[in-house]
């Protein structure tokens, strides 16, 4: 094992922890956006006829959009974390 291996592992661990924290912050921001949008949907269509059906439809769209945003945050993190894990194992 080379003398630089421990610092490489430490750097990978620090990077992985930073990415994890970034993911959590991003997911929290998406959750706030989801909650805010869910509040605005009923207000924005309050005066329209058949608003109950429209609100339900718009809520479904908001929920699907939230799921897409959540995946957009999680998938890149998981790929980078897996790559860092492989690099750490390869340097051991």
PDB file of N, CA and C in Angstrom:
ATOM      1  N   UNK A   1       0.851  -1.176   0.000  1.00  0.00           N
ATOM      2  CA  UNK A   1       0.000   0.000   0.000  1.00  0.00           C
ATOM      3  C   UNK A   1       0.893   1.233   0.000  1.00  0.00           C
ATOM      4  N   UNK A   2       0.582   2.190  -0.812  1.00  0.00           N
ATOM      5  CA  UNK A   2       1.398   3.396  -0.904  1.00  0.00           C
ATOM      6  C   UNK A   2       1.111   4.314   0.277  1.00  0.00           C
ATOM      7  N   UNK A   3       2.058   5.207   0.608  1.00  0.00           N
ATOM      8  CA  UNK A   3       1.825   6.124   1.722  1.00  0.00           C
ATOM      9  C   UNK A   3       0.696   7.115   1.451  1.00  0.00           C
ATOM     10  N   UNK A   4       0.309   7.289   0.197  1.00  0.00           N
ATOM     11  CA  UNK A   4      -0.753   8.242  -0.118  1.00  0.00           C
ATOM     12  C   UNK A   4      -2.152   7.627  -0.023  1.00  0.00           C
ATOM     13  N   UNK A   5      -2.245   6.332   0.109  1.00  0.00           N
ATOM     14  CA  UNK A   5      -3.550   5.667   0.130  1.00  0.00           C
ATOM     15  C   UNK A   5      -4.459   6.160   1.247  1.00  0.00           C
ATOM     16  N   UNK A   6      -3.959   6.299   2.509  1.00  0.00           N
ATOM     17  CA  UNK A   6      -4.872   6.775   3.560  1.00  0.00           C
ATOM     18  C   UNK A   6      -5.444   8.167   3.268  1.00  0.00           C
ATOM     19  N   UNK A   7      -4.617   9.083   2.738  1.00  0.00           N
ATOM     20  CA  UNK A   7      -5.156  10.416   2.477  1.00  0.00           C
ATOM     21  C   UNK A   7      -6.164  10.380   1.327  1.00  0.00           C
ATOM     22  N   UNK A   8      -5.947   9.478   0.350  1.00  0.00           N
ATOM     23  CA  UNK A   8      -6.908   9.305  -0.742  1.00  0.00           C
ATOM     24  C   UNK A   8      -8.236   8.820  -0.179  1.00  0.00           C
ATOM     25  N   UNK A   9      -8.183   7.844   0.731  1.00  0.00           N
ATOM     26  CA  UNK A   9      -9.413   7.345   1.359  1.00  0.00           C
ATOM     27  C   UNK A   9     -10.072   8.434   2.187  1.00  0.00           C
ATOM     28  N   UNK A  10      -9.268   9.229   2.909  1.00  0.00           N
ATOM     29  CA  UNK A  10      -9.831  10.324   3.706  1.00  0.00           C
ATOM     30  C   UNK A  10     -10.502  11.352   2.805  1.00  0.00           C
ATOM     31  N   UNK A  11      -9.868  11.652   1.680  1.00  0.00           N
ATOM     32  CA  UNK A  11     -10.458  12.608   0.739  1.00  0.00           C
ATOM     33  C   UNK A  11     -11.759  12.060   0.172  1.00  0.00           C
ATOM     34  N   UNK A  12     -11.777  10.781  -0.170  1.00  0.00           N
ATOM     35  CA  UNK A  12     -13.007  10.163  -0.684  1.00  0.00           C
ATOM     36  C   UNK A  12     -14.108  10.184   0.367  1.00  0.00           C
ATOM     37  N   UNK A  13     -13.744   9.886   1.609  1.00  0.00           N
ATOM     38  CA  UNK A  13     -14.743   9.887   2.682  1.00  0.00           C
ATOM     39  C   UNK A  13     -15.293  11.292   2.891  1.00  0.00           C
ATOM     40  N   UNK A  14     -14.413  12.295   2.857  1.00  0.00           N
ATOM     41  CA  UNK A  14     -14.871  13.678   3.021  1.00  0.00           C
ATOM     42  C   UNK A  14     -15.758  14.103   1.856  1.00  0.00           C
ATOM     43  N   UNK A  15     -15.377  13.712   0.650  1.00  0.00           N
ATOM     44  CA  UNK A  15     -16.192  14.040  -0.528  1.00  0.00           C
ATOM     45  C   UNK A  15     -17.550  13.345  -0.459  1.00  0.00           C
ATOM     46  N   UNK A  16     -17.543  12.088  -0.061  1.00  0.00           N
ATOM     47  CA  UNK A  16     -18.802  11.344   0.059  1.00  0.00           C
ATOM     48  C   UNK A  16     -19.702  11.988   1.111  1.00  0.00           C
ATOM     49  N   UNK A  17     -19.128  12.422   2.217  1.00  0.00           N
ATOM     50  CA  UNK A  17     -19.921  13.069   3.264  1.00  0.00           C
ATOM     51  C   UNK A  17     -20.472  14.401   2.771  1.00  0.00           C
ATOM     52  N   UNK A  18     -19.667  15.159   2.040  1.00  0.00           N
ATOM     53  CA  UNK A  18     -20.150  16.412   1.462  1.00  0.00           C
ATOM     54  C   UNK A  18     -21.280  16.184   0.480  1.00  0.00           C
ATOM     55  N   UNK A  19     -21.157  15.155  -0.340  1.00  0.00           N
ATOM     56  CA  UNK A  19     -22.219  14.824  -1.299  1.00  0.00           C
ATOM     57  C   UNK A  19     -23.498  14.400  -0.582  1.00  0.00           C
ATOM     58  N   UNK A  20     -23.339  13.628   0.491  1.00  0.00           N
ATOM     59  CA  UNK A  20     -24.505  13.193   1.262  1.00  0.00           C
ATOM     60  C   UNK A  20     -25.217  14.404   1.866  1.00  0.00           C
ATOM     61  N   UNK A  21     -24.434  15.330   2.428  1.00  0.00           N
ATOM     62  CA  UNK A  21     -25.027  16.537   3.008  1.00  0.00           C
ATOM     63  C   UNK A  21     -25.718  17.370   1.928  1.00  0.00           C
ATOM     64  N   UNK A  22     -25.079  17.482   0.758  1.00  0.00           N
ATOM     65  CA  UNK A  22     -25.676  18.216  -0.354  1.00  0.00           C
ATOM     66  C   UNK A  22     -26.988  17.575  -0.789  1.00  0.00           C
ATOM     67  N   UNK A  23     -27.006  16.254  -0.826  1.00  0.00           N
ATOM     68  CA  UNK A  23     -28.231  15.534  -1.205  1.00  0.00           C
ATOM     69  C   UNK A  23     -29.346  15.821  -0.205  1.00  0.00           C
ATOM     70  N   UNK A  24     -29.023  15.773   1.076  1.00  0.00           N
ATOM     71  CA  UNK A  24     -30.039  16.022   2.107  1.00  0.00           C
ATOM     72  C   UNK A  24     -30.579  17.456   2.023  1.00  0.00           C
ATOM     73  N   UNK A  25     -29.697  18.412   1.785  1.00  0.00           N
ATOM     74  CA  UNK A  25     -30.125  19.802   1.646  1.00  0.00           C
ATOM     75  C   UNK A  25     -31.018  19.953   0.414  1.00  0.00           C
ATOM     76  N   UNK A  26     -30.618  19.328  -0.680  1.00  0.00           N
ATOM     77  CA  UNK A  26     -31.410  19.409  -1.915  1.00  0.00           C
ATOM     78  C   UNK A  26     -32.777  18.773  -1.735  1.00  0.00           C
ATOM     79  N   UNK A  27     -32.820  17.616  -1.074  1.00  0.00           N
ATOM     80  CA  UNK A  27     -34.113  16.963  -0.834  1.00  0.00           C
ATOM     81  C   UNK A  27     -34.995  17.812   0.072  1.00  0.00           C
ATOM     82  N   UNK A  28     -34.400  18.468   1.061  1.00  0.00           N
ATOM     83  CA  UNK A  28     -35.182  19.347   1.936  1.00  0.00           C
ATOM     84  C   UNK A  28     -35.734  20.537   1.147  1.00  0.00           C
ATOM     85  N   UNK A  29     -34.928  21.087   0.241  1.00  0.00           N
ATOM     86  CA  UNK A  29     -35.391  22.204  -0.587  1.00  0.00           C
ATOM     87  C   UNK A  29     -36.529  21.773  -1.500  1.00  0.00           C
ATOM     88  N   UNK A  30     -36.423  20.572  -2.059  1.00  0.00           N
ATOM     89  CA  UNK A  30     -37.490  20.053  -2.918  1.00  0.00           C
ATOM     90  C   UNK A  30     -38.763  19.853  -2.098  1.00  0.00           C
ATOM     91  N   UNK A  31     -38.622  19.383  -0.873  1.00  0.00           N
ATOM     92  CA  UNK A  31     -39.792  19.186   0.001  1.00  0.00           C
ATOM     93  C   UNK A  31     -40.470  20.525   0.305  1.00  0.00           C
ATOM     94  N   UNK A  32     -39.683  21.558   0.562  1.00  0.00           N
ATOM     95  CA  UNK A  32     -40.252  22.885   0.805  1.00  0.00           C
ATOM     96  C   UNK A  32     -40.984  23.369  -0.445  1.00  0.00           C
ATOM     97  N   UNK A  33     -40.368  23.200  -1.593  1.00  0.00           N
ATOM     98  CA  UNK A  33     -41.004  23.594  -2.850  1.00  0.00           C
ATOM     99  C   UNK A  33     -42.314  22.835  -3.060  1.00  0.00           C
ATOM    100  N   UNK A  34     -42.304  21.549  -2.769  1.00  0.00           N
ATOM    101  CA  UNK A  34     -43.507  20.723  -2.893  1.00  0.00           C
ATOM    102  C   UNK A  34     -44.611  21.237  -1.975  1.00  0.00           C
ATOM    103  N   UNK A  35     -44.267  21.509  -0.734  1.00  0.00           N
ATOM    104  CA  UNK A  35     -45.267  22.000   0.223  1.00  0.00           C
ATOM    105  C   UNK A  35     -45.819  23.353  -0.201  1.00  0.00           C
ATOM    106  N   UNK A  36     -44.937  24.238  -0.633  1.00  0.00           N
ATOM    107  CA  UNK A  36     -45.351  25.571  -1.072  1.00  0.00           C
ATOM    108  C   UNK A  36     -46.275  25.472  -2.280  1.00  0.00           C
ATOM    109  N   UNK A  37     -45.910  24.644  -3.235  1.00  0.00           N
ATOM    110  CA  UNK A  37     -46.729  24.479  -4.437  1.00  0.00           C
ATOM    111  C   UNK A  37     -48.076  23.865  -4.083  1.00  0.00           C
ATOM    112  N   UNK A  38     -48.083  22.897  -3.187  1.00  0.00           N
ATOM    113  CA  UNK A  38     -49.347  22.275  -2.769  1.00  0.00           C
ATOM    114  C   UNK A  38     -50.279  23.283  -2.109  1.00  0.00           C
ATOM    115  N   UNK A  39     -49.709  24.262  -1.431  1.00  0.00           N
ATOM    116  CA  UNK A  39     -50.538  25.308  -0.827  1.00  0.00           C
ATOM    117  C   UNK A  39     -51.084  26.268  -1.882  1.00  0.00           C
ATOM    118  N   UNK A  40     -50.289  26.565  -2.889  1.00  0.00           N
ATOM    119  CA  UNK A  40     -50.704  27.525  -3.905  1.00  0.00           C
ATOM    120  C   UNK A  40     -51.745  26.974  -4.875  1.00  0.00           C
ATOM    121  N   UNK A  41     -51.741  25.683  -5.112  1.00  0.00           N
ATOM    122  CA  UNK A  41     -52.666  25.097  -6.090  1.00  0.00           C
ATOM    123  C   UNK A  41     -54.113  25.414  -5.753  1.00  0.00           C
ATOM    124  N   UNK A  42     -54.599  25.132  -4.535  1.00  0.00           N
ATOM    125  CA  UNK A  42     -56.013  25.444  -4.252  1.00  0.00           C
ATOM    126  C   UNK A  42     -56.322  26.933  -4.325  1.00  0.00           C
ATOM    127  N   UNK A  43     -55.382  27.770  -3.918  1.00  0.00           N
ATOM    128  CA  UNK A  43     -55.600  29.219  -3.958  1.00  0.00           C
ATOM    129  C   UNK A  43     -55.708  29.709  -5.396  1.00  0.00           C
ATOM    130  N   UNK A  44     -54.867  29.157  -6.260  1.00  0.00           N
ATOM    131  CA  UNK A  44     -54.818  29.648  -7.642  1.00  0.00           C
ATOM    132  C   UNK A  44     -56.063  29.312  -8.451  1.00  0.00           C
ATOM    133  N   UNK A  45     -56.804  28.297  -8.043  1.00  0.00           N
ATOM    134  CA  UNK A  45     -57.998  27.901  -8.812  1.00  0.00           C
ATOM    135  C   UNK A  45     -59.284  28.050  -7.995  1.00  0.00           C
ATOM    136  N   UNK A  46     -59.242  28.789  -6.911  1.00  0.00           N
ATOM    137  CA  UNK A  46     -60.388  28.897  -5.999  1.00  0.00           C
ATOM    138  C   UNK A  46     -61.647  29.422  -6.670  1.00  0.00           C
ATOM    139  N   UNK A  47     -61.520  30.304  -7.643  1.00  0.00           N
ATOM    140  CA  UNK A  47     -62.692  30.921  -8.261  1.00  0.00           C
ATOM    141  C   UNK A  47     -63.183  30.169  -9.494  1.00  0.00           C
ATOM    142  N   UNK A  48     -62.517  29.145  -9.900  1.00  0.00           N
ATOM    143  CA  UNK A  48     -62.890  28.432 -11.125  1.00  0.00           C
ATOM    144  C   UNK A  48     -64.000  27.418 -10.866  1.00  0.00           C
ATOM    145  N   UNK A  49     -64.849  27.182 -11.859  1.00  0.00           N
ATOM    146  CA  UNK A  49     -65.865  26.132 -11.704  1.00  0.00           C
ATOM    147  C   UNK A  49     -65.181  24.754 -11.680  1.00  0.00           C
ATOM    148  N   UNK A  50     -65.797  23.815 -11.027  1.00  0.00           N
ATOM    149  CA  UNK A  50     -65.246  22.459 -10.880  1.00  0.00           C
ATOM    150  C   UNK A  50     -63.854  22.479 -10.251  1.00  0.00           C
ATOM    151  N   UNK A  51     -63.658  23.376  -9.338  1.00  0.00           N
ATOM    152  CA  UNK A  51     -62.323  23.536  -8.771  1.00  0.00           C
ATOM    153  C   UNK A  51     -61.856  22.310  -7.990  1.00  0.00           C
ATOM    154  N   UNK A  52     -62.779  21.550  -7.397  1.00  0.00           N
ATOM    155  CA  UNK A  52     -62.354  20.374  -6.618  1.00  0.00           C
ATOM    156  C   UNK A  52     -61.661  19.343  -7.510  1.00  0.00           C
ATOM    157  N   UNK A  53     -62.245  19.089  -8.686  1.00  0.00           N
ATOM    158  CA  UNK A  53     -61.611  18.146  -9.624  1.00  0.00           C
ATOM    159  C   UNK A  53     -60.290  18.694 -10.126  1.00  0.00           C
ATOM    160  N   UNK A  54     -60.278  19.993 -10.398  1.00  0.00           N
ATOM    161  CA  UNK A  54     -59.067  20.633 -10.907  1.00  0.00           C
ATOM    162  C   UNK A  54     -57.955  20.601  -9.853  1.00  0.00           C
ATOM    163  N   UNK A  55     -58.304  20.874  -8.606  1.00  0.00           N
ATOM    164  CA  UNK A  55     -57.313  20.833  -7.530  1.00  0.00           C
ATOM    165  C   UNK A  55     -56.737  19.427  -7.408  1.00  0.00           C
ATOM    166  N   UNK A  56     -57.587  18.419  -7.466  1.00  0.00           N
ATOM    167  CA  UNK A  56     -57.102  17.036  -7.375  1.00  0.00           C
ATOM    168  C   UNK A  56     -56.150  16.712  -8.523  1.00  0.00           C
ATOM    169  N   UNK A  57     -56.491  17.148  -9.721  1.00  0.00           N
ATOM    170  CA  UNK A  57     -55.622  16.907 -10.880  1.00  0.00           C
ATOM    171  C   UNK A  57     -54.303  17.639 -10.742  1.00  0.00           C
ATOM    172  N   UNK A  58     -54.368  18.893 -10.335  1.00  0.00           N
ATOM    173  CA  UNK A  58     -53.145  19.672 -10.162  1.00  0.00           C
ATOM    174  C   UNK A  58     -52.285  19.111  -9.032  1.00  0.00           C
ATOM    175  N   UNK A  59     -52.905  18.652  -7.967  1.00  0.00           N
ATOM    176  CA  UNK A  59     -52.146  18.024  -6.881  1.00  0.00           C
ATOM    177  C   UNK A  59     -51.399  16.790  -7.377  1.00  0.00           C
ATOM    178  N   UNK A  60     -52.058  16.013  -8.226  1.00  0.00           N
ATOM    179  CA  UNK A  60     -51.402  14.827  -8.788  1.00  0.00           C
ATOM    180  C   UNK A  60     -50.196  15.225  -9.634  1.00  0.00           C
ATOM    181  N   UNK A  61     -50.332  16.293 -10.401  1.00  0.00           N
ATOM    182  CA  UNK A  61     -49.214  16.783 -11.215  1.00  0.00           C
ATOM    183  C   UNK A  61     -48.078  17.262 -10.313  1.00  0.00           C
ATOM    184  N   UNK A  62     -48.410  17.975  -9.253  1.00  0.00           N
ATOM    185  CA  UNK A  62     -47.390  18.456  -8.314  1.00  0.00           C
ATOM    186  C   UNK A  62     -46.669  17.260  -7.686  1.00  0.00           C
ATOM    187  N   UNK A  63     -47.429  16.258  -7.269  1.00  0.00           N
ATOM    188  CA  UNK A  63     -46.810  15.073  -6.658  1.00  0.00           C
ATOM    189  C   UNK A  63     -45.887  14.354  -7.628  1.00  0.00           C
ATOM    190  N   UNK A  64     -46.300  14.204  -8.895  1.00  0.00           N
ATOM    191  CA  UNK A  64     -45.432  13.561  -9.905  1.00  0.00           C
ATOM    192  C   UNK A  64     -44.171  14.394 -10.138  1.00  0.00           C
ATOM    193  N   UNK A  65     -44.349  15.711 -10.193  1.00  0.00           N
ATOM    194  CA  UNK A  65     -43.190  16.590 -10.363  1.00  0.00           C
ATOM    195  C   UNK A  65     -42.233  16.476  -9.191  1.00  0.00           C
ATOM    196  N   UNK A  66     -42.788  16.373  -7.990  1.00  0.00           N
ATOM    197  CA  UNK A  66     -41.967  16.201  -6.793  1.00  0.00           C
ATOM    198  C   UNK A  66     -41.185  14.893  -6.876  1.00  0.00           C
ATOM    199  N   UNK A  67     -41.829  13.820  -7.308  1.00  0.00           N
ATOM    200  CA  UNK A  67     -41.138  12.538  -7.452  1.00  0.00           C
ATOM    201  C   UNK A  67     -39.998  12.630  -8.462  1.00  0.00           C
ATOM    202  N   UNK A  68     -40.216  13.330  -9.558  1.00  0.00           N
ATOM    203  CA  UNK A  68     -39.166  13.504 -10.569  1.00  0.00           C
ATOM    204  C   UNK A  68     -37.997  14.295  -9.997  1.00  0.00           C
ATOM    205  N   UNK A  69     -38.295  15.378  -9.275  1.00  0.00           N
ATOM    206  CA  UNK A  69     -37.219  16.171  -8.673  1.00  0.00           C
ATOM    207  C   UNK A  69     -36.436  15.360  -7.646  1.00  0.00           C
ATOM    208  N   UNK A  70     -37.137  14.567  -6.868  1.00  0.00           N
ATOM    209  CA  UNK A  70     -36.469  13.727  -5.878  1.00  0.00           C
ATOM    210  C   UNK A  70     -35.522  12.753  -6.564  1.00  0.00           C
ATOM    211  N   UNK A  71     -35.983  12.112  -7.627  1.00  0.00           N
ATOM    212  CA  UNK A  71     -35.114  11.200  -8.385  1.00  0.00           C
ATOM    213  C   UNK A  71     -33.929  11.942  -8.983  1.00  0.00           C
ATOM    214  N   UNK A  72     -34.160  13.159  -9.461  1.00  0.00           N
ATOM    215  CA  UNK A  72     -33.084  13.949 -10.066  1.00  0.00           C
ATOM    216  C   UNK A  72     -32.005  14.276  -9.043  1.00  0.00           C
ATOM    217  N   UNK A  73     -32.375  14.370  -7.779  1.00  0.00           N
ATOM    218  CA  UNK A  73     -31.391  14.622  -6.724  1.00  0.00           C
ATOM    219  C   UNK A  73     -30.709  13.321  -6.317  1.00  0.00           C
ATOM    220  N   UNK A  74     -31.477  12.241  -6.145  1.00  0.00           N
ATOM    221  CA  UNK A  74     -30.932  11.002  -5.601  1.00  0.00           C
ATOM    222  C   UNK A  74     -30.065  10.215  -6.575  1.00  0.00           C
ATOM    223  N   UNK A  75     -30.460  10.124  -7.814  1.00  0.00           N
ATOM    224  CA  UNK A  75     -29.745   9.261  -8.764  1.00  0.00           C
ATOM    225  C   UNK A  75     -28.291   9.695  -8.965  1.00  0.00           C
ATOM    226  N   UNK A  76     -28.013  10.972  -9.248  1.00  0.00           N
ATOM    227  CA  UNK A  76     -26.598  11.354  -9.412  1.00  0.00           C
ATOM    228  C   UNK A  76     -25.782  11.109  -8.144  1.00  0.00           C
ATOM    229  N   UNK A  77     -26.370  11.376  -6.978  1.00  0.00           N
ATOM    230  CA  UNK A  77     -25.660  11.132  -5.723  1.00  0.00           C
ATOM    231  C   UNK A  77     -25.285   9.662  -5.602  1.00  0.00           C
ATOM    232  N   UNK A  78     -26.237   8.785  -5.869  1.00  0.00           N
ATOM    233  CA  UNK A  78     -25.969   7.352  -5.735  1.00  0.00           C
ATOM    234  C   UNK A  78     -24.896   6.890  -6.709  1.00  0.00           C
ATOM    235  N   UNK A  79     -24.890   7.438  -7.914  1.00  0.00           N
ATOM    236  CA  UNK A  79     -23.859   7.069  -8.890  1.00  0.00           C
ATOM    237  C   UNK A  79     -22.481   7.530  -8.444  1.00  0.00           C
ATOM    238  N   UNK A  80     -22.396   8.767  -7.973  1.00  0.00           N
ATOM    239  CA  UNK A  80     -21.098   9.289  -7.523  1.00  0.00           C
ATOM    240  C   UNK A  80     -20.636   8.534  -6.276  1.00  0.00           C
ATOM    241  N   UNK A  81     -21.538   8.260  -5.357  1.00  0.00           N
ATOM    242  CA  UNK A  81     -21.176   7.521  -4.144  1.00  0.00           C
ATOM    243  C   UNK A  81     -20.666   6.127  -4.496  1.00  0.00           C
ATOM    244  N   UNK A  82     -21.300   5.465  -5.440  1.00  0.00           N
ATOM    245  CA  UNK A  82     -20.847   4.135  -5.865  1.00  0.00           C
ATOM    246  C   UNK A  82     -19.470   4.217  -6.527  1.00  0.00           C
ATOM    247  N   UNK A  83     -19.246   5.244  -7.328  1.00  0.00           N
ATOM    248  CA  UNK A  83     -17.944   5.431  -7.975  1.00  0.00           C
ATOM    249  C   UNK A  83     -16.861   5.676  -6.933  1.00  0.00           C
ATOM    250  N   UNK A  84     -17.148   6.522  -5.946  1.00  0.00           N
ATOM    251  CA  UNK A  84     -16.183   6.772  -4.875  1.00  0.00           C
ATOM    252  C   UNK A  84     -15.886   5.508  -4.088  1.00  0.00           C
ATOM    253  N   UNK A  85     -16.906   4.708  -3.851  1.00  0.00           N
ATOM    254  CA  UNK A  85     -16.716   3.449  -3.139  1.00  0.00           C
ATOM    255  C   UNK A  85     -15.793   2.518  -3.927  1.00  0.00           C
ATOM    256  N   UNK A  86     -16.025   2.435  -5.242  1.00  0.00           N
ATOM    257  CA  UNK A  86     -15.158   1.591  -6.077  1.00  0.00           C
ATOM    258  C   UNK A  86     -13.720   2.102  -6.073  1.00  0.00           C
ATOM    259  N   UNK A  87     -13.556   3.417  -6.141  1.00  0.00           N
ATOM    260  CA  UNK A  87     -12.214   3.990  -6.108  1.00  0.00           C
ATOM    261  C   UNK A  87     -11.521   3.706  -4.783  1.00  0.00           C
ATOM    262  N   UNK A  88     -12.257   3.810  -3.689  1.00  0.00           N
ATOM    263  CA  UNK A  88     -11.683   3.531  -2.368  1.00  0.00           C
ATOM    264  C   UNK A  88     -11.247   2.075  -2.260  1.00  0.00           C
ATOM    265  N   UNK A  89     -12.095   1.168  -2.755  1.00  0.00           N
ATOM    266  CA  UNK A  89     -11.738  -0.258  -2.689  1.00  0.00           C
ATOM    267  C   UNK A  89     -10.538  -0.561  -3.602  1.00  0.00           C
ATOM    268  N   UNK A  90     -10.460   0.119  -4.730  1.00  0.00           N
ATOM    269  CA  UNK A  90      -9.355  -0.114  -5.647  1.00  0.00           C
ATOM    270  C   UNK A  90      -8.041   0.404  -5.095  1.00  0.00           C
ATOM    271  N   UNK A  91      -8.105   1.459  -4.275  1.00  0.00           N
ATOM    272  CA  UNK A  91      -6.858   2.020  -3.723  1.00  0.00           C
ATOM    273  C   UNK A  91      -6.380   1.253  -2.489  1.00  0.00           C
ATOM    274  N   UNK A  92      -7.232   0.389  -1.954  1.00  0.00           N
ATOM    275  CA  UNK A  92      -6.855  -0.358  -0.735  1.00  0.00           C
ATOM    276  C   UNK A  92      -5.862  -1.468  -1.026  1.00  0.00           C
TER     277      UNK A  92
END
